[in-house]
N, C-alpha and C. Protein backbone atom coordinates (compact mmCIF):
# COMPACT_ATOMS: atom_id res chain seq x y z
N MET A 1 90.73 117.25 100.52
CA MET A 1 91.60 117.37 101.62
C MET A 1 92.99 117.21 101.23
N ASN A 2 93.67 118.34 100.88
CA ASN A 2 95.06 118.30 100.37
C ASN A 2 96.02 119.13 101.20
N HIS A 3 95.51 120.00 102.09
CA HIS A 3 96.39 120.84 102.86
C HIS A 3 97.23 119.96 103.75
N PRO A 4 98.52 120.23 103.87
CA PRO A 4 99.39 119.37 104.71
C PRO A 4 99.03 119.30 106.16
N HIS A 5 98.41 120.36 106.74
CA HIS A 5 97.98 120.28 108.12
C HIS A 5 96.81 119.35 108.23
N GLN A 6 95.94 119.24 107.28
CA GLN A 6 94.83 118.32 107.32
C GLN A 6 95.38 116.90 107.14
N LEU A 7 96.37 116.69 106.28
CA LEU A 7 96.94 115.39 106.11
C LEU A 7 97.66 114.96 107.43
N HIS A 8 98.34 115.88 108.03
CA HIS A 8 99.03 115.49 109.29
C HIS A 8 97.99 115.17 110.38
N ALA A 9 96.89 115.90 110.45
CA ALA A 9 95.86 115.57 111.40
C ALA A 9 95.28 114.18 111.13
N THR A 10 95.06 113.89 109.89
CA THR A 10 94.53 112.54 109.54
C THR A 10 95.56 111.43 109.92
N ARG A 11 96.79 111.65 109.59
CA ARG A 11 97.85 110.73 109.99
C ARG A 11 97.83 110.52 111.51
N ALA A 12 97.79 111.59 112.24
CA ALA A 12 97.84 111.50 113.69
C ALA A 12 96.62 110.72 114.25
N ALA A 13 95.45 111.05 113.66
CA ALA A 13 94.17 110.36 114.11
C ALA A 13 94.24 108.87 113.86
N GLN A 14 94.73 108.42 112.67
CA GLN A 14 94.90 107.00 112.40
C GLN A 14 95.89 106.29 113.26
N ASN A 15 97.01 107.05 113.51
CA ASN A 15 98.09 106.46 114.36
C ASN A 15 97.50 106.26 115.82
N LEU A 16 96.72 107.24 116.30
CA LEU A 16 96.14 107.21 117.59
C LEU A 16 95.13 106.05 117.69
N THR A 17 94.33 105.91 116.62
CA THR A 17 93.37 104.88 116.58
C THR A 17 94.08 103.47 116.74
N ASP A 18 95.15 103.30 116.04
CA ASP A 18 95.92 102.05 116.16
C ASP A 18 96.41 101.88 117.49
N ALA A 19 97.00 102.93 118.11
CA ALA A 19 97.60 102.84 119.47
C ALA A 19 96.47 102.48 120.52
N ARG A 20 95.34 103.09 120.35
CA ARG A 20 94.24 102.85 121.28
C ARG A 20 93.71 101.40 121.16
N ARG A 21 93.82 100.82 120.01
CA ARG A 21 93.50 99.37 119.89
C ARG A 21 94.41 98.50 120.77
N HIS A 22 95.71 98.83 120.61
CA HIS A 22 96.64 98.10 121.47
C HIS A 22 96.35 98.38 123.01
N LEU A 23 96.01 99.61 123.32
CA LEU A 23 95.78 99.96 124.74
C LEU A 23 94.52 99.22 125.20
N ASP A 24 93.46 99.17 124.40
CA ASP A 24 92.24 98.44 124.83
C ASP A 24 92.58 96.98 125.10
N SER A 25 93.37 96.34 124.29
CA SER A 25 93.75 94.96 124.46
C SER A 25 94.54 94.79 125.75
N ALA A 26 95.45 95.76 125.97
CA ALA A 26 96.22 95.69 127.23
C ALA A 26 95.41 95.93 128.47
N VAL A 27 94.38 96.82 128.34
CA VAL A 27 93.50 97.07 129.44
C VAL A 27 92.73 95.80 129.84
N THR A 28 92.30 95.07 128.79
CA THR A 28 91.54 93.80 129.00
C THR A 28 92.42 92.82 129.75
N SER A 29 93.66 92.76 129.37
CA SER A 29 94.59 91.81 130.03
C SER A 29 94.95 92.28 131.46
N GLU A 30 95.06 93.61 131.62
CA GLU A 30 95.31 94.11 132.93
C GLU A 30 94.17 93.80 133.87
N HIS A 31 92.97 94.08 133.41
CA HIS A 31 91.78 93.83 134.28
C HIS A 31 91.69 92.35 134.59
N ALA A 32 91.91 91.42 133.64
CA ALA A 32 91.84 90.01 133.98
C ALA A 32 92.84 89.63 135.01
N ALA A 33 94.08 90.16 134.89
CA ALA A 33 95.10 89.89 135.83
C ALA A 33 94.77 90.37 137.24
N ARG A 34 94.26 91.58 137.28
CA ARG A 34 93.88 92.21 138.62
C ARG A 34 92.67 91.44 139.21
N LEU A 35 91.78 90.99 138.34
CA LEU A 35 90.61 90.23 138.87
C LEU A 35 91.10 88.92 139.47
N ASN A 36 92.05 88.29 138.75
CA ASN A 36 92.51 87.00 139.19
C ASN A 36 93.19 87.16 140.58
N ASP A 37 94.05 88.26 140.69
CA ASP A 37 94.71 88.50 141.91
C ASP A 37 93.69 88.72 143.03
N ALA A 38 92.66 89.51 142.70
CA ALA A 38 91.58 89.78 143.73
C ALA A 38 90.88 88.55 144.12
N ARG A 39 90.59 87.61 143.23
CA ARG A 39 89.97 86.37 143.54
C ARG A 39 90.84 85.49 144.48
N ILE A 40 92.14 85.50 144.19
CA ILE A 40 93.05 84.75 145.07
C ILE A 40 93.07 85.34 146.46
N THR A 41 93.10 86.65 146.49
CA THR A 41 93.06 87.30 147.85
C THR A 41 91.78 87.01 148.58
N ALA A 42 90.69 87.08 147.83
CA ALA A 42 89.38 86.83 148.46
C ALA A 42 89.21 85.46 148.95
N ALA A 43 89.73 84.51 148.15
CA ALA A 43 89.70 83.05 148.53
C ALA A 43 90.53 82.81 149.82
N ALA A 44 91.68 83.43 149.88
CA ALA A 44 92.51 83.27 151.06
C ALA A 44 91.83 83.88 152.29
N SER A 45 91.14 84.97 152.14
CA SER A 45 90.40 85.56 153.19
C SER A 45 89.18 84.73 153.65
N ALA A 46 88.58 84.13 152.62
CA ALA A 46 87.38 83.30 152.92
C ALA A 46 87.84 82.06 153.77
N ILE A 47 88.96 81.54 153.41
CA ILE A 47 89.44 80.32 154.11
C ILE A 47 89.71 80.72 155.58
N GLN A 48 90.34 81.89 155.79
CA GLN A 48 90.67 82.36 157.10
C GLN A 48 89.36 82.67 157.88
N ALA A 49 88.35 83.31 157.20
CA ALA A 49 87.14 83.71 157.87
C ALA A 49 86.26 82.55 158.31
N TRP A 50 86.31 81.47 157.52
CA TRP A 50 85.39 80.36 157.77
C TRP A 50 86.03 79.16 158.46
N ARG A 51 86.98 79.44 159.27
CA ARG A 51 87.55 78.33 160.04
C ARG A 51 86.54 77.80 161.06
N PRO A 52 86.60 76.56 161.41
CA PRO A 52 85.63 76.02 162.42
C PRO A 52 85.71 76.81 163.72
N ILE A 53 84.62 77.00 164.29
CA ILE A 53 84.61 77.73 165.58
C ILE A 53 84.51 76.69 166.69
N PRO A 54 85.48 76.68 167.64
CA PRO A 54 85.42 75.73 168.74
C PRO A 54 84.14 75.93 169.55
N GLY A 55 83.60 74.83 170.00
CA GLY A 55 82.41 74.91 170.88
C GLY A 55 81.33 73.98 170.38
N PRO A 56 80.27 73.85 171.15
CA PRO A 56 79.21 72.88 170.80
C PRO A 56 78.42 73.18 169.59
N THR A 57 78.31 74.51 169.19
CA THR A 57 77.43 74.90 168.09
C THR A 57 78.18 74.94 166.82
N GLY A 58 79.28 75.62 166.74
CA GLY A 58 80.09 75.72 165.50
C GLY A 58 79.38 76.59 164.42
N LYS A 59 78.37 77.36 164.79
CA LYS A 59 77.65 78.10 163.79
C LYS A 59 78.52 79.20 163.14
N GLY A 60 78.36 79.36 161.88
CA GLY A 60 79.09 80.43 161.19
C GLY A 60 80.41 80.00 160.66
N GLY A 61 80.86 78.80 160.99
CA GLY A 61 82.17 78.34 160.51
C GLY A 61 82.03 77.65 159.17
N HIS A 62 83.05 76.81 158.83
CA HIS A 62 83.07 76.20 157.53
C HIS A 62 81.99 75.17 157.39
N GLY A 63 81.29 74.83 158.57
CA GLY A 63 80.21 73.87 158.54
C GLY A 63 78.91 74.56 158.12
N ASP A 64 78.85 75.84 157.79
CA ASP A 64 77.65 76.51 157.47
C ASP A 64 77.60 76.66 155.88
N PRO A 65 77.02 75.65 155.16
CA PRO A 65 77.13 75.66 153.76
C PRO A 65 76.33 76.82 153.10
N ALA A 66 75.28 77.29 153.68
CA ALA A 66 74.50 78.40 153.07
C ALA A 66 75.33 79.68 153.02
N SER A 67 76.02 80.00 154.14
CA SER A 67 76.89 81.21 154.18
C SER A 67 78.07 81.06 153.32
N ARG A 68 78.62 79.86 153.25
CA ARG A 68 79.77 79.60 152.38
C ARG A 68 79.37 79.80 150.91
N ALA A 69 78.21 79.33 150.51
CA ALA A 69 77.75 79.47 149.11
C ALA A 69 77.56 80.87 148.76
N ALA A 70 77.02 81.64 149.71
CA ALA A 70 76.76 83.06 149.41
C ALA A 70 78.02 83.82 149.15
N VAL A 71 79.02 83.54 149.98
CA VAL A 71 80.32 84.22 149.81
C VAL A 71 80.90 83.80 148.49
N GLY A 72 80.79 82.59 148.10
CA GLY A 72 81.37 82.13 146.88
C GLY A 72 80.84 82.70 145.63
N THR A 73 79.70 83.32 145.64
CA THR A 73 78.97 83.88 144.48
C THR A 73 79.44 85.33 144.32
N LEU A 74 80.12 85.89 145.20
CA LEU A 74 80.47 87.35 145.14
C LEU A 74 81.81 87.53 144.46
N GLU A 75 81.79 88.44 143.41
CA GLU A 75 83.02 88.75 142.75
C GLU A 75 83.77 89.87 143.54
N PRO A 76 85.01 89.77 143.71
CA PRO A 76 85.74 90.82 144.43
C PRO A 76 85.81 92.10 143.59
N GLU A 77 85.86 93.18 144.32
CA GLU A 77 85.91 94.49 143.65
C GLU A 77 87.34 94.70 143.00
N VAL A 78 87.37 95.18 141.78
CA VAL A 78 88.65 95.43 141.09
C VAL A 78 88.69 96.85 140.67
N ARG A 79 89.64 97.59 141.16
CA ARG A 79 89.85 98.96 140.77
C ARG A 79 90.59 99.10 139.43
N ASP A 80 90.39 100.18 138.70
CA ASP A 80 91.10 100.40 137.45
C ASP A 80 92.61 100.40 137.73
N GLY A 81 93.35 99.78 136.84
CA GLY A 81 94.80 99.83 136.88
C GLY A 81 95.37 100.94 136.11
N ARG A 82 96.64 101.04 136.00
CA ARG A 82 97.36 102.13 135.33
C ARG A 82 96.91 102.34 133.86
N LEU A 83 96.83 101.18 133.19
CA LEU A 83 96.43 101.24 131.74
C LEU A 83 95.01 101.66 131.60
N ALA A 84 94.10 101.23 132.45
CA ALA A 84 92.72 101.60 132.40
C ALA A 84 92.58 103.10 132.66
N ARG A 85 93.33 103.64 133.56
CA ARG A 85 93.32 105.05 133.83
C ARG A 85 93.84 105.81 132.63
N LEU A 86 94.82 105.34 131.98
CA LEU A 86 95.36 105.98 130.80
C LEU A 86 94.30 106.01 129.68
N ALA A 87 93.68 104.92 129.54
CA ALA A 87 92.61 104.80 128.49
C ALA A 87 91.46 105.84 128.78
N ALA A 88 91.12 105.89 130.03
CA ALA A 88 89.99 106.84 130.43
C ALA A 88 90.45 108.25 130.23
N SER A 89 91.69 108.57 130.60
CA SER A 89 92.24 109.94 130.41
C SER A 89 92.38 110.33 128.94
N THR A 90 92.73 109.39 128.14
CA THR A 90 92.80 109.66 126.69
C THR A 90 91.44 109.97 126.15
N THR A 91 90.50 109.11 126.44
CA THR A 91 89.09 109.36 125.96
C THR A 91 88.58 110.70 126.45
N SER A 92 88.84 111.09 127.72
CA SER A 92 88.42 112.39 128.29
C SER A 92 88.99 113.53 127.46
N THR A 93 90.29 113.38 127.12
CA THR A 93 90.92 114.46 126.35
C THR A 93 90.26 114.57 124.96
N LEU A 94 90.03 113.48 124.36
CA LEU A 94 89.41 113.44 123.01
C LEU A 94 88.00 114.04 123.07
N THR A 95 87.28 113.71 124.13
CA THR A 95 85.92 114.22 124.35
C THR A 95 85.92 115.74 124.53
N TRP A 96 86.96 116.18 125.21
CA TRP A 96 87.15 117.67 125.38
C TRP A 96 87.45 118.33 124.07
N LEU A 97 88.29 117.73 123.28
CA LEU A 97 88.64 118.31 122.00
C LEU A 97 87.37 118.35 121.07
N ALA A 98 86.60 117.28 121.06
CA ALA A 98 85.35 117.30 120.29
C ALA A 98 84.39 118.37 120.74
N ASP A 99 84.30 118.53 121.97
CA ASP A 99 83.36 119.56 122.59
C ASP A 99 83.90 120.97 122.20
N ARG A 100 85.20 121.20 122.26
CA ARG A 100 85.72 122.46 121.93
C ARG A 100 85.53 122.83 120.42
N LEU A 101 85.44 121.80 119.60
CA LEU A 101 85.21 122.01 118.17
C LEU A 101 83.74 121.93 117.86
N HIS A 102 82.87 121.82 118.86
CA HIS A 102 81.40 121.78 118.68
C HIS A 102 80.95 120.66 117.78
N LEU A 103 81.64 119.47 118.07
CA LEU A 103 81.29 118.27 117.28
C LEU A 103 80.32 117.40 118.05
N GLN A 104 79.46 116.72 117.32
CA GLN A 104 78.48 115.78 117.92
C GLN A 104 79.19 114.43 118.03
N ALA A 105 79.65 114.06 119.27
CA ALA A 105 80.37 112.77 119.43
C ALA A 105 79.42 111.82 120.21
N ALA A 106 78.55 111.18 119.54
CA ALA A 106 77.60 110.26 120.14
C ALA A 106 78.35 108.98 120.56
N GLY A 107 79.37 108.59 119.76
CA GLY A 107 80.12 107.37 120.08
C GLY A 107 81.59 107.74 120.51
N ASP A 108 82.48 107.17 119.89
CA ASP A 108 83.91 107.47 120.14
C ASP A 108 84.22 108.85 119.68
N PRO A 109 84.76 109.69 120.55
CA PRO A 109 85.09 111.07 120.13
C PRO A 109 86.17 111.13 119.07
N LEU A 110 87.07 110.14 119.04
CA LEU A 110 88.08 110.17 117.98
C LEU A 110 87.49 109.97 116.63
N ASP A 111 86.45 109.16 116.57
CA ASP A 111 85.77 109.02 115.25
C ASP A 111 85.16 110.35 114.78
N ALA A 112 84.58 111.06 115.70
CA ALA A 112 84.02 112.41 115.38
C ALA A 112 85.04 113.36 114.97
N LEU A 113 86.22 113.32 115.65
CA LEU A 113 87.30 114.21 115.18
C LEU A 113 87.86 113.89 113.81
N THR A 114 88.07 112.57 113.60
CA THR A 114 88.61 112.18 112.37
C THR A 114 87.69 112.57 111.21
N ALA A 115 86.41 112.31 111.38
CA ALA A 115 85.43 112.69 110.30
C ALA A 115 85.41 114.18 110.02
N ALA A 116 85.70 115.01 111.04
CA ALA A 116 85.61 116.44 110.94
C ALA A 116 86.82 117.10 110.27
N ILE A 117 87.94 116.37 110.23
CA ILE A 117 89.22 116.96 109.77
C ILE A 117 89.09 117.60 108.38
N PRO A 118 88.44 117.00 107.40
CA PRO A 118 88.32 117.69 106.08
C PRO A 118 87.66 119.01 106.14
N THR A 119 86.84 119.23 107.17
CA THR A 119 86.10 120.47 107.24
C THR A 119 86.75 121.52 108.13
N LEU A 120 87.82 121.16 108.81
CA LEU A 120 88.49 122.07 109.66
C LEU A 120 89.43 122.98 108.97
N ARG A 121 89.69 124.15 109.52
CA ARG A 121 90.70 125.08 108.97
C ARG A 121 92.11 124.43 109.19
N PRO A 122 93.04 124.74 108.29
CA PRO A 122 94.38 124.17 108.43
C PRO A 122 94.99 124.56 109.77
N ALA A 123 94.78 125.75 110.24
CA ALA A 123 95.33 126.19 111.53
C ALA A 123 94.75 125.33 112.68
N THR A 124 93.52 125.00 112.58
CA THR A 124 92.88 124.20 113.59
C THR A 124 93.47 122.76 113.53
N CYS A 125 93.61 122.24 112.34
CA CYS A 125 94.25 120.95 112.17
C CYS A 125 95.63 120.89 112.71
N ARG A 126 96.41 121.94 112.56
CA ARG A 126 97.73 121.96 113.11
C ARG A 126 97.70 121.73 114.59
N GLU A 127 96.83 122.49 115.32
CA GLU A 127 96.74 122.33 116.82
C GLU A 127 96.18 120.96 117.16
N LEU A 128 95.18 120.45 116.44
CA LEU A 128 94.63 119.15 116.71
C LEU A 128 95.74 118.07 116.56
N THR A 129 96.58 118.18 115.53
CA THR A 129 97.69 117.24 115.32
C THR A 129 98.50 117.09 116.56
N ARG A 130 98.83 118.28 117.20
CA ARG A 130 99.72 118.19 118.37
C ARG A 130 99.10 117.43 119.48
N TRP A 131 97.81 117.65 119.73
CA TRP A 131 97.11 116.93 120.78
C TRP A 131 97.05 115.42 120.46
N LEU A 132 96.78 115.07 119.23
CA LEU A 132 96.65 113.66 118.89
C LEU A 132 98.04 112.96 118.90
N ASP A 133 99.07 113.66 118.43
CA ASP A 133 100.38 113.11 118.47
C ASP A 133 100.88 112.87 119.93
N ASP A 134 100.57 113.85 120.80
CA ASP A 134 100.94 113.67 122.21
C ASP A 134 100.27 112.46 122.82
N ALA A 135 98.99 112.32 122.55
CA ALA A 135 98.25 111.15 123.11
C ALA A 135 98.79 109.84 122.53
N ASP A 136 99.04 109.84 121.25
CA ASP A 136 99.64 108.64 120.63
C ASP A 136 100.98 108.27 121.26
N GLN A 137 101.87 109.24 121.40
CA GLN A 137 103.18 109.05 121.92
C GLN A 137 103.12 108.52 123.37
N GLN A 138 102.23 109.09 124.15
CA GLN A 138 102.08 108.62 125.56
C GLN A 138 101.70 107.14 125.63
N ILE A 139 100.73 106.74 124.82
CA ILE A 139 100.28 105.37 124.78
C ILE A 139 101.48 104.45 124.38
N ARG A 140 102.20 104.87 123.33
CA ARG A 140 103.20 104.02 122.80
C ARG A 140 104.37 103.86 123.79
N GLU A 141 104.65 104.92 124.48
CA GLU A 141 105.70 104.85 125.47
C GLU A 141 105.35 103.97 126.63
N VAL A 142 104.13 104.04 127.09
CA VAL A 142 103.67 103.15 128.20
C VAL A 142 103.63 101.73 127.79
N LEU A 143 103.20 101.39 126.60
CA LEU A 143 103.09 100.02 126.09
C LEU A 143 104.39 99.58 125.44
N HIS A 144 105.35 100.36 125.31
CA HIS A 144 106.58 100.02 124.63
C HIS A 144 106.34 99.60 123.19
N LEU A 145 105.51 100.44 122.48
CA LEU A 145 105.27 100.18 121.11
C LEU A 145 106.26 100.92 120.26
N ASP A 146 106.52 100.42 119.02
CA ASP A 146 107.30 101.10 118.07
C ASP A 146 106.59 102.44 117.63
N PRO A 147 107.42 103.37 117.15
CA PRO A 147 106.74 104.59 116.57
C PRO A 147 105.83 104.18 115.47
N ALA A 148 104.79 105.01 115.22
CA ALA A 148 103.79 104.69 114.22
C ALA A 148 104.43 104.71 112.82
N GLY A 149 103.83 103.90 111.96
CA GLY A 149 104.28 103.88 110.57
C GLY A 149 105.32 102.79 110.26
N GLN A 150 105.47 102.55 108.99
CA GLN A 150 106.40 101.56 108.51
C GLN A 150 107.44 102.18 107.55
N PRO A 151 108.72 102.00 107.84
CA PRO A 151 109.77 102.59 106.90
C PRO A 151 109.55 102.10 105.52
N ILE A 152 109.87 102.95 104.54
CA ILE A 152 109.81 102.55 103.16
C ILE A 152 111.24 102.52 102.62
N PRO A 153 111.74 101.28 102.42
CA PRO A 153 113.14 101.16 101.97
C PRO A 153 113.31 101.52 100.51
N GLY A 154 114.39 102.19 100.18
CA GLY A 154 114.77 102.39 98.82
C GLY A 154 114.18 103.61 98.03
N ILE A 155 113.22 104.28 98.63
CA ILE A 155 112.59 105.37 97.94
C ILE A 155 113.06 106.73 98.58
N ARG A 156 113.56 107.60 97.70
CA ARG A 156 114.05 108.90 98.14
C ARG A 156 112.97 109.85 98.28
N CYS A 157 113.17 110.78 99.25
CA CYS A 157 112.26 111.90 99.36
C CYS A 157 112.52 112.93 98.23
N PRO A 158 111.49 113.43 97.61
CA PRO A 158 111.65 114.38 96.49
C PRO A 158 112.36 115.71 96.97
N ARG A 159 112.32 115.96 98.25
CA ARG A 159 112.84 117.23 98.76
C ARG A 159 114.29 117.03 99.23
N CYS A 160 114.53 116.09 100.12
CA CYS A 160 115.85 116.05 100.75
C CYS A 160 116.65 114.86 100.16
N ALA A 161 116.06 114.00 99.40
CA ALA A 161 116.70 112.91 98.67
C ALA A 161 117.14 111.80 99.61
N ARG A 162 116.84 111.92 100.93
CA ARG A 162 117.16 110.82 101.86
C ARG A 162 116.18 109.63 101.76
N ARG A 163 116.58 108.51 102.01
CA ARG A 163 115.74 107.33 101.98
C ARG A 163 115.22 107.06 103.43
N GLN A 164 114.42 108.03 103.95
CA GLN A 164 113.90 107.87 105.32
C GLN A 164 112.41 108.18 105.32
N LEU A 165 111.71 107.72 104.29
CA LEU A 165 110.25 107.95 104.22
C LEU A 165 109.55 106.86 105.08
N THR A 166 108.39 107.26 105.54
CA THR A 166 107.56 106.38 106.42
C THR A 166 106.16 106.38 105.87
N SER A 167 105.62 105.12 105.74
CA SER A 167 104.27 104.95 105.31
C SER A 167 103.35 104.77 106.47
N HIS A 168 102.14 105.43 106.38
CA HIS A 168 101.10 105.33 107.44
C HIS A 168 99.81 104.80 106.81
N THR A 169 99.56 103.49 106.96
CA THR A 169 98.50 102.87 106.18
C THR A 169 97.57 102.00 107.12
N THR A 170 97.45 102.26 108.38
CA THR A 170 96.67 101.42 109.30
C THR A 170 95.17 101.68 109.09
N GLY A 171 94.79 102.79 108.54
CA GLY A 171 93.41 103.17 108.33
C GLY A 171 92.90 102.90 106.93
N PRO A 172 91.72 103.31 106.59
CA PRO A 172 91.21 103.13 105.23
C PRO A 172 92.12 103.86 104.26
N ARG A 173 92.03 103.37 102.97
CA ARG A 173 92.95 103.87 101.98
C ARG A 173 92.89 105.42 101.86
N PRO A 174 91.74 106.08 101.89
CA PRO A 174 91.80 107.52 101.76
C PRO A 174 92.56 108.24 102.84
N THR A 175 92.89 107.55 103.90
CA THR A 175 93.60 108.17 105.01
C THR A 175 95.10 107.85 104.90
N TRP A 176 95.58 107.14 103.94
CA TRP A 176 96.95 106.73 103.82
C TRP A 176 97.80 107.97 103.51
N THR A 177 98.99 108.06 104.17
CA THR A 177 99.96 109.11 103.91
C THR A 177 101.34 108.55 103.93
N VAL A 178 102.28 109.39 103.44
CA VAL A 178 103.70 109.10 103.54
C VAL A 178 104.36 110.33 104.11
N THR A 179 105.25 110.15 105.06
CA THR A 179 105.94 111.28 105.65
C THR A 179 107.53 111.13 105.55
N CYS A 180 108.13 112.27 105.57
CA CYS A 180 109.61 112.23 105.71
C CYS A 180 109.95 112.49 107.17
N THR A 181 111.26 112.72 107.42
CA THR A 181 111.62 113.02 108.82
C THR A 181 111.05 114.39 109.28
N GLY A 182 110.96 114.58 110.56
CA GLY A 182 110.38 115.83 111.06
C GLY A 182 111.12 117.10 110.70
N ASP A 183 112.39 116.94 110.42
CA ASP A 183 113.22 118.13 110.04
C ASP A 183 113.24 118.43 108.51
N CYS A 184 112.54 117.61 107.77
CA CYS A 184 112.40 117.86 106.36
C CYS A 184 111.20 118.65 106.09
N VAL A 185 111.31 119.96 106.05
CA VAL A 185 110.12 120.85 105.99
C VAL A 185 110.04 121.52 104.62
N CYS A 186 108.83 121.85 104.31
CA CYS A 186 108.58 122.49 103.01
C CYS A 186 109.08 123.95 102.97
N ILE A 187 109.49 124.42 101.81
CA ILE A 187 109.97 125.76 101.73
C ILE A 187 108.95 126.66 100.93
N GLY A 188 107.80 126.10 100.66
CA GLY A 188 106.82 126.86 100.02
C GLY A 188 106.59 126.55 98.54
N PRO A 189 106.09 127.44 97.69
CA PRO A 189 105.78 127.17 96.33
C PRO A 189 106.91 126.70 95.49
N ASP A 190 108.12 127.09 95.86
CA ASP A 190 109.32 126.68 95.05
C ASP A 190 109.93 125.39 95.50
N CYS A 191 109.33 124.73 96.49
CA CYS A 191 109.85 123.46 97.00
C CYS A 191 109.65 122.37 96.03
N PRO A 192 110.65 121.52 95.82
CA PRO A 192 110.55 120.38 94.87
C PRO A 192 109.87 119.19 95.41
N CYS A 193 109.08 119.37 96.50
CA CYS A 193 108.49 118.21 97.24
C CYS A 193 107.32 117.57 96.41
N THR A 194 106.77 118.31 95.44
CA THR A 194 105.61 117.81 94.69
C THR A 194 104.36 117.57 95.40
N THR A 195 104.21 118.16 96.62
CA THR A 195 103.00 118.02 97.38
C THR A 195 101.92 118.84 96.73
N ALA A 196 100.62 118.56 96.98
CA ALA A 196 99.52 119.30 96.39
C ALA A 196 99.46 120.72 96.74
N GLN A 197 99.79 121.08 98.02
CA GLN A 197 99.78 122.43 98.50
C GLN A 197 101.04 122.70 99.26
N PRO A 198 102.12 123.05 98.60
CA PRO A 198 103.38 123.31 99.26
C PRO A 198 103.18 124.46 100.30
N THR A 199 103.53 124.11 101.54
CA THR A 199 103.29 125.12 102.62
C THR A 199 104.53 125.23 103.43
N ALA A 200 105.11 126.42 103.46
CA ALA A 200 106.40 126.71 104.11
C ALA A 200 106.30 126.29 105.57
N GLY A 201 107.39 125.68 106.05
CA GLY A 201 107.52 125.34 107.47
C GLY A 201 106.87 124.08 107.95
N VAL A 202 106.11 123.42 107.07
CA VAL A 202 105.42 122.17 107.52
C VAL A 202 106.18 120.95 107.12
N PRO A 203 106.41 120.07 108.01
CA PRO A 203 107.07 118.75 107.60
C PRO A 203 106.34 118.11 106.49
N HIS A 204 107.11 117.55 105.58
CA HIS A 204 106.55 117.04 104.35
C HIS A 204 105.61 115.80 104.60
N ILE A 205 104.52 115.80 103.87
CA ILE A 205 103.56 114.67 103.95
C ILE A 205 102.86 114.70 102.68
N TRP A 206 102.56 113.45 102.18
CA TRP A 206 101.93 113.28 100.89
C TRP A 206 100.65 112.39 101.14
N GLY A 207 99.51 112.82 100.44
CA GLY A 207 98.24 112.11 100.61
C GLY A 207 98.13 110.86 99.78
N HIS A 208 97.00 110.17 99.98
CA HIS A 208 96.81 108.85 99.43
C HIS A 208 96.81 108.86 97.91
N ASP A 209 96.46 109.97 97.25
CA ASP A 209 96.41 109.95 95.77
C ASP A 209 97.74 110.39 95.16
N HIS A 210 98.77 110.73 95.92
CA HIS A 210 100.06 111.10 95.37
C HIS A 210 100.81 109.86 94.88
N PRO A 211 101.44 109.95 93.75
CA PRO A 211 102.18 108.82 93.22
C PRO A 211 103.19 108.19 94.22
N LEU A 212 103.76 109.04 95.13
CA LEU A 212 104.75 108.55 96.09
C LEU A 212 103.98 107.54 97.01
N VAL A 213 102.76 107.85 97.38
CA VAL A 213 102.04 106.94 98.28
C VAL A 213 101.52 105.70 97.61
N THR A 214 100.99 105.93 96.41
CA THR A 214 100.51 104.70 95.66
C THR A 214 101.64 103.78 95.24
N SER A 215 102.72 104.31 94.82
CA SER A 215 103.84 103.42 94.41
C SER A 215 104.50 102.73 95.59
N SER A 216 104.64 103.48 96.76
CA SER A 216 105.32 102.87 97.86
C SER A 216 104.47 101.76 98.53
N ASN A 217 103.15 101.80 98.29
CA ASN A 217 102.27 100.76 98.90
C ASN A 217 101.83 99.71 97.87
N ALA A 218 102.37 99.82 96.65
CA ALA A 218 102.00 98.86 95.60
C ALA A 218 102.83 97.56 95.75
N ALA A 219 103.96 97.64 96.35
CA ALA A 219 104.83 96.54 96.45
C ALA A 219 104.29 95.47 97.43
């Protein structure tokens, strides 16, 4: 897997995997907060509902322990919040992508997409990258996360000579990549970028076995 479109798809998949981990954690916190609010509301309603009823019988009021115990065992209904809906929407999009590519996604559809990248045509990977990057950006904007990747100080890009490289190493080592800025694009076979498959018009990216990647992550 050396074509830059495949490398970009791998980068996008790993970045989205990382963003979804943050989203899953945020969804758990959101659900806990919404459940707590619902419990408080339900408790207040129960207090109001089980006031003593004036009269000689008083049945059904706070003096009815059986009814009070039954109500106390019920958990209030909690609807999905904004983050839970975003998580569900993201998963639906990934499932749709896997279906369109005729992939067997028994578990997480992103896992199936990631595993299939080395077998996909470069043109397909290019389109897949756009979908994955869009999903990643949406999650990061909602959660106020930093852009994916870690800046690499002090190392120049072989093409533009600027020190603006970014390392993407959240996944397994074979998925590691280094990218330059989005406007640093390859000019083809004569490009000094030293990528394995120089491809005109594609933003520069280097795979895990390139010296630029191994040296930048050795420190």
